[in-house]
Amino acid sequence: MTNYAVLLGPNRYDFAVQLAAKYHLDPSQVLFGYLQVVSEVTGSDQPGDLHDPKVTKVINDRFDRFLKQRH
């Protein structure tokens, strides 16, 4: 499973361009989609910690589904 956390770092645009090409999306769709997933997972009544491996796995799984449903 890919760790999409790179999309929160300084190289996010380069990675978004790669994902966009692979899934036939615009890089802005990739970045916005990732932020939506992160917000949904960490912004609930009991916020998740982005450094928690369980939270990271949920984010990666959901974002992977996001990309594949648009492909």
C-alpha atoms as a PDB file:
ATOM      1  CA  MET A   1       0.000   0.000   0.000  1.00  0.00           C
ATOM      2  CA  THR A   2       1.261   3.420  -0.923  1.00  0.00           C
ATOM      3  CA  ASN A   3       1.837   5.941   1.841  1.00  0.00           C
ATOM      4  CA  TYR A   4       0.173   9.070   0.530  1.00  0.00           C
ATOM      5  CA  ALA A   5       1.439  11.234   3.418  1.00  0.00           C
ATOM      6  CA  VAL A   6       3.922  12.720   0.942  1.00  0.00           C
ATOM      7  CA  LEU A   7       0.946  14.821  -0.185  1.00  0.00           C
ATOM      8  CA  LEU A   8       1.306  16.801   3.047  1.00  0.00           C
ATOM      9  CA  GLY A   9       5.009  17.511   2.557  1.00  0.00           C
ATOM     10  CA  PRO A  10       7.173  19.792   0.449  1.00  0.00           C
ATOM     11  CA  ASN A  11       7.192  17.392  -2.545  1.00  0.00           C
ATOM     12  CA  ARG A  12       3.395  17.121  -2.639  1.00  0.00           C
ATOM     13  CA  TYR A  13       2.927  18.710  -6.051  1.00  0.00           C
ATOM     14  CA  ASP A  14       5.389  16.384  -7.817  1.00  0.00           C
ATOM     15  CA  PHE A  15       3.700  13.346  -6.270  1.00  0.00           C
ATOM     16  CA  ALA A  16       0.243  14.742  -7.093  1.00  0.00           C
ATOM     17  CA  VAL A  17       1.297  15.154 -10.727  1.00  0.00           C
ATOM     18  CA  GLN A  18       2.425  11.501 -10.811  1.00  0.00           C
ATOM     19  CA  LEU A  19      -0.837  10.280  -9.294  1.00  0.00           C
ATOM     20  CA  ALA A  20      -2.883  12.544 -11.547  1.00  0.00           C
ATOM     21  CA  ALA A  21      -1.242  11.091 -14.645  1.00  0.00           C
ATOM     22  CA  LYS A  22      -1.774   7.540 -13.413  1.00  0.00           C
ATOM     23  CA  TYR A  23      -5.457   8.049 -12.529  1.00  0.00           C
ATOM     24  CA  HIS A  24      -6.362  10.541 -15.294  1.00  0.00           C
ATOM     25  CA  LEU A  25      -7.052  13.403 -12.894  1.00  0.00           C
ATOM     26  CA  ASP A  26      -5.870  16.954 -12.463  1.00  0.00           C
ATOM     27  CA  PRO A  27      -3.204  17.421  -9.753  1.00  0.00           C
ATOM     28  CA  SER A  28      -5.556  19.796  -7.918  1.00  0.00           C
ATOM     29  CA  GLN A  29      -8.162  17.005  -7.729  1.00  0.00           C
ATOM     30  CA  VAL A  30      -5.574  14.712  -6.182  1.00  0.00           C
ATOM     31  CA  LEU A  31      -4.483  17.267  -3.589  1.00  0.00           C
ATOM     32  CA  PHE A  32      -8.022  18.340  -2.726  1.00  0.00           C
ATOM     33  CA  GLY A  33      -9.196  14.729  -2.516  1.00  0.00           C
ATOM     34  CA  TYR A  34      -6.386  13.837  -0.148  1.00  0.00           C
ATOM     35  CA  LEU A  35      -7.129  16.798   2.099  1.00  0.00           C
ATOM     36  CA  GLN A  36     -10.811  15.826   2.142  1.00  0.00           C
ATOM     37  CA  VAL A  37      -9.963  12.292   3.235  1.00  0.00           C
ATOM     38  CA  VAL A  38      -7.539  13.523   5.914  1.00  0.00           C
ATOM     39  CA  SER A  39     -10.173  15.942   7.188  1.00  0.00           C
ATOM     40  CA  GLU A  40     -12.848  13.249   7.321  1.00  0.00           C
ATOM     41  CA  VAL A  41     -10.602  10.814   9.190  1.00  0.00           C
ATOM     42  CA  THR A  42      -8.996  13.243  11.638  1.00  0.00           C
ATOM     43  CA  GLY A  43     -11.786  15.767  12.104  1.00  0.00           C
ATOM     44  CA  SER A  44     -14.379  13.605  13.836  1.00  0.00           C
ATOM     45  CA  ASP A  45     -15.564  13.886  17.445  1.00  0.00           C
ATOM     46  CA  GLN A  46     -12.375  12.089  18.440  1.00  0.00           C
ATOM     47  CA  PRO A  47      -9.664  13.601  16.231  1.00  0.00           C
ATOM     48  CA  GLY A  48      -6.987  11.253  14.959  1.00  0.00           C
ATOM     49  CA  ASP A  49      -3.266  11.821  15.172  1.00  0.00           C
ATOM     50  CA  LEU A  50      -1.559  11.858  11.771  1.00  0.00           C
ATOM     51  CA  HIS A  51       1.456  10.152  13.351  1.00  0.00           C
ATOM     52  CA  ASP A  52      -0.627   7.191  14.541  1.00  0.00           C
ATOM     53  CA  PRO A  53      -0.018   4.253  12.163  1.00  0.00           C
ATOM     54  CA  LYS A  54      -3.666   3.167  12.491  1.00  0.00           C
ATOM     55  CA  VAL A  55      -4.897   6.608  11.396  1.00  0.00           C
ATOM     56  CA  THR A  56      -2.380   6.707   8.559  1.00  0.00           C
ATOM     57  CA  LYS A  57      -3.577   3.300   7.353  1.00  0.00           C
ATOM     58  CA  VAL A  58      -7.217   4.428   7.348  1.00  0.00           C
ATOM     59  CA  ILE A  59      -6.286   7.577   5.413  1.00  0.00           C
ATOM     60  CA  ASN A  60      -4.231   5.611   2.889  1.00  0.00           C
ATOM     61  CA  ASP A  61      -7.000   3.016   2.400  1.00  0.00           C
ATOM     62  CA  ARG A  62      -9.691   5.646   1.891  1.00  0.00           C
ATOM     63  CA  PHE A  63      -7.584   7.746  -0.441  1.00  0.00           C
ATOM     64  CA  ASP A  64      -6.647   4.675  -2.452  1.00  0.00           C
ATOM     65  CA  ARG A  65     -10.392   3.986  -2.903  1.00  0.00           C
ATOM     66  CA  PHE A  66     -10.930   7.650  -3.842  1.00  0.00           C
ATOM     67  CA  LEU A  67      -8.334   7.369  -6.610  1.00  0.00           C
ATOM     68  CA  LYS A  68      -9.562   4.045  -7.917  1.00  0.00           C
ATOM     69  CA  GLN A  69     -13.225   5.048  -8.051  1.00  0.00           C
ATOM     70  CA  ARG A  70     -12.288   7.963 -10.303  1.00  0.00           C
ATOM     71  CA  HIS A  71     -10.084   5.869 -12.576  1.00  0.00           C
END
